[in-house]
């Protein structure tokens, strides 16, 4: 958030929290780029995607009852993703994550050794928006990630059994939902 105080010396400057968030996002992108370079040196075909928005979706907010991080990407990056996605099944994945304030910054690396292809998607979401997603993940013992365009077109979706990788302190986050709903 930008400081809009009346002091002309400080107006428009980022707040300390905003600076930490900006730095965390920059680190996330730098880490993704470094990992992509490493994978390319190992012989993988790598596609990197930077989500403009990442929405922690609960089953009630999904048209197909899938829940988890939904990465919203621009059309040109959606095309790159779809081309790579069509090459394989991507049975392997890893999640690289950092939490700053109430934001989760993550890079999800999807790998298909047979297709020698890696897709990396960077995104960020607010923990306070993730209670429904966390509750569903615990209840179903799974979580989904999907890449979609701004108009809602799903470009690809993945199911993951290790939902804890996507939500830090998942039990605590799920309990936020319980306290809000009065359960």
C-alpha atoms as a PDB file:
ATOM      1  CA  UNK A   1       0.000   0.000   0.000  1.00  0.00           C
ATOM      2  CA  UNK A   2       1.263   3.472  -0.788  1.00  0.00           C
ATOM      3  CA  UNK A   3       1.599   6.090   1.938  1.00  0.00           C
ATOM      4  CA  UNK A   4      -0.728   8.935   1.025  1.00  0.00           C
ATOM      5  CA  UNK A   5       0.033  11.118   4.035  1.00  0.00           C
ATOM      6  CA  UNK A   6      -0.067  14.880   3.832  1.00  0.00           C
ATOM      7  CA  UNK A   7       3.711  15.233   4.194  1.00  0.00           C
ATOM      8  CA  UNK A   8       4.987  15.963   0.674  1.00  0.00           C
ATOM      9  CA  UNK A   9       8.312  14.321   1.623  1.00  0.00           C
ATOM     10  CA  UNK A  10       6.685  10.880   2.160  1.00  0.00           C
ATOM     11  CA  UNK A  11       3.666  10.944  -0.139  1.00  0.00           C
ATOM     12  CA  UNK A  12       3.757   8.187  -2.755  1.00  0.00           C
ATOM     13  CA  UNK A  13       6.559   6.226  -1.099  1.00  0.00           C
ATOM     14  CA  UNK A  14       5.970   2.535  -0.494  1.00  0.00           C
ATOM     15  CA  UNK A  15       5.167   1.460   3.030  1.00  0.00           C
ATOM     16  CA  UNK A  16       7.649  -0.909   4.736  1.00  0.00           C
ATOM     17  CA  UNK A  17       5.242  -3.855   4.237  1.00  0.00           C
ATOM     18  CA  UNK A  18       4.814  -3.099   0.564  1.00  0.00           C
ATOM     19  CA  UNK A  19       8.567  -2.942   0.087  1.00  0.00           C
ATOM     20  CA  UNK A  20       8.956  -6.391   1.691  1.00  0.00           C
ATOM     21  CA  UNK A  21       6.245  -7.784  -0.608  1.00  0.00           C
ATOM     22  CA  UNK A  22       7.843  -6.222  -3.678  1.00  0.00           C
ATOM     23  CA  UNK A  23      11.253  -7.614  -2.700  1.00  0.00           C
ATOM     24  CA  UNK A  24       9.782 -11.079  -2.098  1.00  0.00           C
ATOM     25  CA  UNK A  25       8.138 -11.075  -5.549  1.00  0.00           C
ATOM     26  CA  UNK A  26      11.408  -9.992  -7.172  1.00  0.00           C
ATOM     27  CA  UNK A  27      13.260 -12.790  -5.322  1.00  0.00           C
ATOM     28  CA  UNK A  28      10.626 -15.288  -6.444  1.00  0.00           C
ATOM     29  CA  UNK A  29      11.072 -14.322 -10.082  1.00  0.00           C
ATOM     30  CA  UNK A  30      14.870 -14.313  -9.784  1.00  0.00           C
ATOM     31  CA  UNK A  31      14.784 -17.757  -8.184  1.00  0.00           C
ATOM     32  CA  UNK A  32      12.520 -19.070 -10.938  1.00  0.00           C
ATOM     33  CA  UNK A  33      14.827 -17.682 -13.621  1.00  0.00           C
ATOM     34  CA  UNK A  34      17.894 -19.202 -11.925  1.00  0.00           C
ATOM     35  CA  UNK A  35      16.196 -22.583 -11.602  1.00  0.00           C
ATOM     36  CA  UNK A  36      15.053 -22.405 -15.230  1.00  0.00           C
ATOM     37  CA  UNK A  37      18.608 -21.696 -16.341  1.00  0.00           C
ATOM     38  CA  UNK A  38      19.849 -24.650 -14.287  1.00  0.00           C
ATOM     39  CA  UNK A  39      17.248 -26.976 -15.833  1.00  0.00           C
ATOM     40  CA  UNK A  40      18.127 -25.768 -19.343  1.00  0.00           C
ATOM     41  CA  UNK A  41      21.793 -26.535 -18.661  1.00  0.00           C
ATOM     42  CA  UNK A  42      20.675 -30.045 -17.684  1.00  0.00           C
ATOM     43  CA  UNK A  43      19.002 -30.439 -21.100  1.00  0.00           C
ATOM     44  CA  UNK A  44      15.359 -29.716 -20.230  1.00  0.00           C
ATOM     45  CA  UNK A  45      13.064 -27.650 -22.442  1.00  0.00           C
ATOM     46  CA  UNK A  46      11.814 -24.996 -19.994  1.00  0.00           C
ATOM     47  CA  UNK A  47       8.793 -22.699 -20.093  1.00  0.00           C
ATOM     48  CA  UNK A  48       8.451 -20.019 -17.403  1.00  0.00           C
ATOM     49  CA  UNK A  49       5.144 -18.340 -16.661  1.00  0.00           C
ATOM     50  CA  UNK A  50       4.505 -15.339 -14.389  1.00  0.00           C
ATOM     51  CA  UNK A  51       0.945 -15.218 -13.167  1.00  0.00           C
ATOM     52  CA  UNK A  52      -0.555 -11.752 -13.115  1.00  0.00           C
ATOM     53  CA  UNK A  53      -2.880 -12.923 -10.349  1.00  0.00           C
ATOM     54  CA  UNK A  54      -3.072 -16.077  -8.284  1.00  0.00           C
ATOM     55  CA  UNK A  55      -6.402 -16.905  -6.707  1.00  0.00           C
ATOM     56  CA  UNK A  56      -6.675 -19.449  -3.880  1.00  0.00           C
ATOM     57  CA  UNK A  57      -9.879 -21.119  -5.063  1.00  0.00           C
ATOM     58  CA  UNK A  58     -12.270 -22.977  -2.753  1.00  0.00           C
ATOM     59  CA  UNK A  59     -14.664 -25.642  -4.129  1.00  0.00           C
ATOM     60  CA  UNK A  60     -17.631 -23.293  -3.723  1.00  0.00           C
ATOM     61  CA  UNK A  61     -15.918 -20.755  -6.011  1.00  0.00           C
ATOM     62  CA  UNK A  62     -15.075 -23.249  -8.748  1.00  0.00           C
ATOM     63  CA  UNK A  63     -17.242 -24.375 -11.637  1.00  0.00           C
ATOM     64  CA  UNK A  64     -15.863 -27.938 -11.401  1.00  0.00           C
ATOM     65  CA  UNK A  65     -15.305 -28.310  -7.630  1.00  0.00           C
ATOM     66  CA  UNK A  66     -11.539 -28.148  -8.044  1.00  0.00           C
ATOM     67  CA  UNK A  67      -9.736 -26.127  -5.426  1.00  0.00           C
ATOM     68  CA  UNK A  68      -6.261 -24.732  -5.086  1.00  0.00           C
ATOM     69  CA  UNK A  69      -4.113 -21.994  -6.539  1.00  0.00           C
ATOM     70  CA  UNK A  70      -5.468 -20.735  -9.848  1.00  0.00           C
ATOM     71  CA  UNK A  71      -2.784 -18.930 -11.837  1.00  0.00           C
ATOM     72  CA  UNK A  72      -4.234 -16.274 -14.133  1.00  0.00           C
ATOM     73  CA  UNK A  73      -1.896 -15.562 -17.032  1.00  0.00           C
ATOM     74  CA  UNK A  74      -1.886 -13.287 -20.086  1.00  0.00           C
ATOM     75  CA  UNK A  75      -2.885 -14.820 -23.416  1.00  0.00           C
ATOM     76  CA  UNK A  76       0.675 -14.937 -24.815  1.00  0.00           C
ATOM     77  CA  UNK A  77       1.930 -16.857 -21.767  1.00  0.00           C
ATOM     78  CA  UNK A  78      -1.163 -19.075 -21.885  1.00  0.00           C
ATOM     79  CA  UNK A  79      -0.178 -20.111 -25.411  1.00  0.00           C
ATOM     80  CA  UNK A  80       3.357 -21.011 -24.266  1.00  0.00           C
ATOM     81  CA  UNK A  81       1.922 -22.980 -21.361  1.00  0.00           C
ATOM     82  CA  UNK A  82      -0.557 -24.886 -23.548  1.00  0.00           C
ATOM     83  CA  UNK A  83       2.134 -25.848 -26.061  1.00  0.00           C
ATOM     84  CA  UNK A  84       4.313 -27.278 -23.285  1.00  0.00           C
ATOM     85  CA  UNK A  85       1.357 -28.816 -21.417  1.00  0.00           C
ATOM     86  CA  UNK A  86       0.319 -30.797 -24.497  1.00  0.00           C
ATOM     87  CA  UNK A  87       3.766 -32.474 -24.650  1.00  0.00           C
ATOM     88  CA  UNK A  88       3.407 -34.592 -21.532  1.00  0.00           C
ATOM     89  CA  UNK A  89       1.732 -35.728 -18.367  1.00  0.00           C
ATOM     90  CA  UNK A  90       4.031 -33.942 -15.868  1.00  0.00           C
ATOM     91  CA  UNK A  91       4.057 -36.596 -13.138  1.00  0.00           C
ATOM     92  CA  UNK A  92       6.689 -34.773 -11.071  1.00  0.00           C
ATOM     93  CA  UNK A  93       6.375 -31.440  -9.343  1.00  0.00           C
ATOM     94  CA  UNK A  94       8.073 -29.330  -6.733  1.00  0.00           C
ATOM     95  CA  UNK A  95       6.927 -26.203  -4.929  1.00  0.00           C
ATOM     96  CA  UNK A  96       9.352 -23.470  -3.889  1.00  0.00           C
ATOM     97  CA  UNK A  97       7.688 -21.148  -1.408  1.00  0.00           C
ATOM     98  CA  UNK A  98       8.295 -18.104   0.770  1.00  0.00           C
ATOM     99  CA  UNK A  99       5.839 -16.345   3.066  1.00  0.00           C
ATOM    100  CA  UNK A 100       6.079 -12.613   3.756  1.00  0.00           C
ATOM    101  CA  UNK A 101       3.461 -10.986   5.959  1.00  0.00           C
ATOM    102  CA  UNK A 102       0.238 -12.686   4.843  1.00  0.00           C
ATOM    103  CA  UNK A 103       1.403 -13.376   1.284  1.00  0.00           C
ATOM    104  CA  UNK A 104       2.620 -16.658  -0.105  1.00  0.00           C
ATOM    105  CA  UNK A 105       5.093 -16.438  -2.981  1.00  0.00           C
ATOM    106  CA  UNK A 106       5.610 -19.634  -4.891  1.00  0.00           C
ATOM    107  CA  UNK A 107       7.084 -21.237  -7.946  1.00  0.00           C
ATOM    108  CA  UNK A 108       5.552 -24.527  -8.989  1.00  0.00           C
ATOM    109  CA  UNK A 109       7.829 -26.644 -11.154  1.00  0.00           C
ATOM    110  CA  UNK A 110       6.051 -29.310 -13.228  1.00  0.00           C
ATOM    111  CA  UNK A 111       8.399 -31.892 -14.832  1.00  0.00           C
ATOM    112  CA  UNK A 112       7.906 -34.572 -17.440  1.00  0.00           C
ATOM    113  CA  UNK A 113      11.105 -36.620 -17.853  1.00  0.00           C
ATOM    114  CA  UNK A 114       9.781 -38.465 -20.924  1.00  0.00           C
ATOM    115  CA  UNK A 115       9.022 -35.217 -22.758  1.00  0.00           C
ATOM    116  CA  UNK A 116      12.126 -33.574 -21.230  1.00  0.00           C
ATOM    117  CA  UNK A 117       9.947 -30.566 -20.505  1.00  0.00           C
ATOM    118  CA  UNK A 118       9.625 -28.350 -17.442  1.00  0.00           C
ATOM    119  CA  UNK A 119       6.915 -25.788 -16.844  1.00  0.00           C
ATOM    120  CA  UNK A 120       7.477 -23.265 -14.045  1.00  0.00           C
ATOM    121  CA  UNK A 121       4.723 -20.978 -12.836  1.00  0.00           C
ATOM    122  CA  UNK A 122       5.334 -18.138 -10.372  1.00  0.00           C
ATOM    123  CA  UNK A 123       2.515 -16.617  -8.392  1.00  0.00           C
ATOM    124  CA  UNK A 124       1.506 -15.073  -5.095  1.00  0.00           C
ATOM    125  CA  UNK A 125      -1.638 -15.079  -3.003  1.00  0.00           C
ATOM    126  CA  UNK A 126      -2.875 -13.796   0.345  1.00  0.00           C
ATOM    127  CA  UNK A 127      -3.218 -16.339   3.144  1.00  0.00           C
ATOM    128  CA  UNK A 128      -6.335 -14.605   4.440  1.00  0.00           C
ATOM    129  CA  UNK A 129      -8.033 -15.594   1.159  1.00  0.00           C
ATOM    130  CA  UNK A 130      -6.953 -19.252   1.388  1.00  0.00           C
ATOM    131  CA  UNK A 131      -9.059 -20.656   4.256  1.00  0.00           C
ATOM    132  CA  UNK A 132     -11.613 -22.392   2.020  1.00  0.00           C
ATOM    133  CA  UNK A 133      -8.864 -23.814  -0.178  1.00  0.00           C
ATOM    134  CA  UNK A 134      -6.941 -25.086   2.873  1.00  0.00           C
ATOM    135  CA  UNK A 135     -10.039 -26.687   4.406  1.00  0.00           C
ATOM    136  CA  UNK A 136     -10.889 -28.476   1.166  1.00  0.00           C
ATOM    137  CA  UNK A 137      -7.302 -29.682   0.745  1.00  0.00           C
ATOM    138  CA  UNK A 138      -7.304 -31.200   4.233  1.00  0.00           C
ATOM    139  CA  UNK A 139     -10.752 -32.756   3.739  1.00  0.00           C
ATOM    140  CA  UNK A 140      -9.900 -34.231   0.323  1.00  0.00           C
ATOM    141  CA  UNK A 141      -6.208 -34.942   1.016  1.00  0.00           C
ATOM    142  CA  UNK A 142      -5.326 -33.273  -2.302  1.00  0.00           C
ATOM    143  CA  UNK A 143      -5.101 -29.895  -3.990  1.00  0.00           C
ATOM    144  CA  UNK A 144      -5.250 -28.760  -7.616  1.00  0.00           C
ATOM    145  CA  UNK A 145      -3.368 -26.113  -9.500  1.00  0.00           C
ATOM    146  CA  UNK A 146      -4.615 -24.685 -12.734  1.00  0.00           C
ATOM    147  CA  UNK A 147      -3.469 -22.160 -15.263  1.00  0.00           C
ATOM    148  CA  UNK A 148      -6.158 -20.061 -16.857  1.00  0.00           C
ATOM    149  CA  UNK A 149      -6.626 -16.862 -18.789  1.00  0.00           C
ATOM    150  CA  UNK A 150      -8.387 -13.749 -17.548  1.00  0.00           C
ATOM    151  CA  UNK A 151     -11.611 -14.780 -19.311  1.00  0.00           C
ATOM    152  CA  UNK A 152     -11.635 -18.008 -17.264  1.00  0.00           C
ATOM    153  CA  UNK A 153     -10.437 -20.409 -19.962  1.00  0.00           C
ATOM    154  CA  UNK A 154      -8.582 -23.260 -18.255  1.00  0.00           C
ATOM    155  CA  UNK A 155      -5.332 -23.997 -20.094  1.00  0.00           C
ATOM    156  CA  UNK A 156      -4.329 -26.928 -17.890  1.00  0.00           C
ATOM    157  CA  UNK A 157      -4.849 -28.418 -14.459  1.00  0.00           C
ATOM    158  CA  UNK A 158      -2.821 -30.659 -12.137  1.00  0.00           C
ATOM    159  CA  UNK A 159      -3.748 -32.699  -9.062  1.00  0.00           C
ATOM    160  CA  UNK A 160      -1.301 -32.837  -6.140  1.00  0.00           C
ATOM    161  CA  UNK A 161      -1.348 -35.114  -3.097  1.00  0.00           C
ATOM    162  CA  UNK A 162       1.082 -33.021  -1.055  1.00  0.00           C
ATOM    163  CA  UNK A 163      -1.144 -30.019  -0.415  1.00  0.00           C
ATOM    164  CA  UNK A 164       1.027 -28.848   2.490  1.00  0.00           C
ATOM    165  CA  UNK A 165       3.599 -27.640  -0.041  1.00  0.00           C
ATOM    166  CA  UNK A 166       1.149 -25.026  -1.303  1.00  0.00           C
ATOM    167  CA  UNK A 167      -0.172 -23.626   1.992  1.00  0.00           C
ATOM    168  CA  UNK A 168       2.116 -22.827   4.928  1.00  0.00           C
ATOM    169  CA  UNK A 169       0.718 -24.002   8.275  1.00  0.00           C
ATOM    170  CA  UNK A 170      -2.319 -25.387   6.464  1.00  0.00           C
ATOM    171  CA  UNK A 171      -4.181 -26.416   9.647  1.00  0.00           C
ATOM    172  CA  UNK A 172      -3.971 -22.883  11.052  1.00  0.00           C
ATOM    173  CA  UNK A 173      -5.106 -21.340   7.760  1.00  0.00           C
ATOM    174  CA  UNK A 174      -8.041 -23.765   7.558  1.00  0.00           C
ATOM    175  CA  UNK A 175      -9.034 -22.809  11.105  1.00  0.00           C
ATOM    176  CA  UNK A 176      -9.349 -19.180  10.036  1.00  0.00           C
ATOM    177  CA  UNK A 177     -12.265 -20.399   7.929  1.00  0.00           C
ATOM    178  CA  UNK A 178     -13.808 -22.152  10.947  1.00  0.00           C
ATOM    179  CA  UNK A 179     -13.577 -19.045  13.116  1.00  0.00           C
ATOM    180  CA  UNK A 180     -15.053 -16.859  10.377  1.00  0.00           C
ATOM    181  CA  UNK A 181     -17.928 -19.266   9.705  1.00  0.00           C
ATOM    182  CA  UNK A 182     -18.568 -19.808  13.405  1.00  0.00           C
ATOM    183  CA  UNK A 183     -18.051 -23.586  13.200  1.00  0.00           C
END
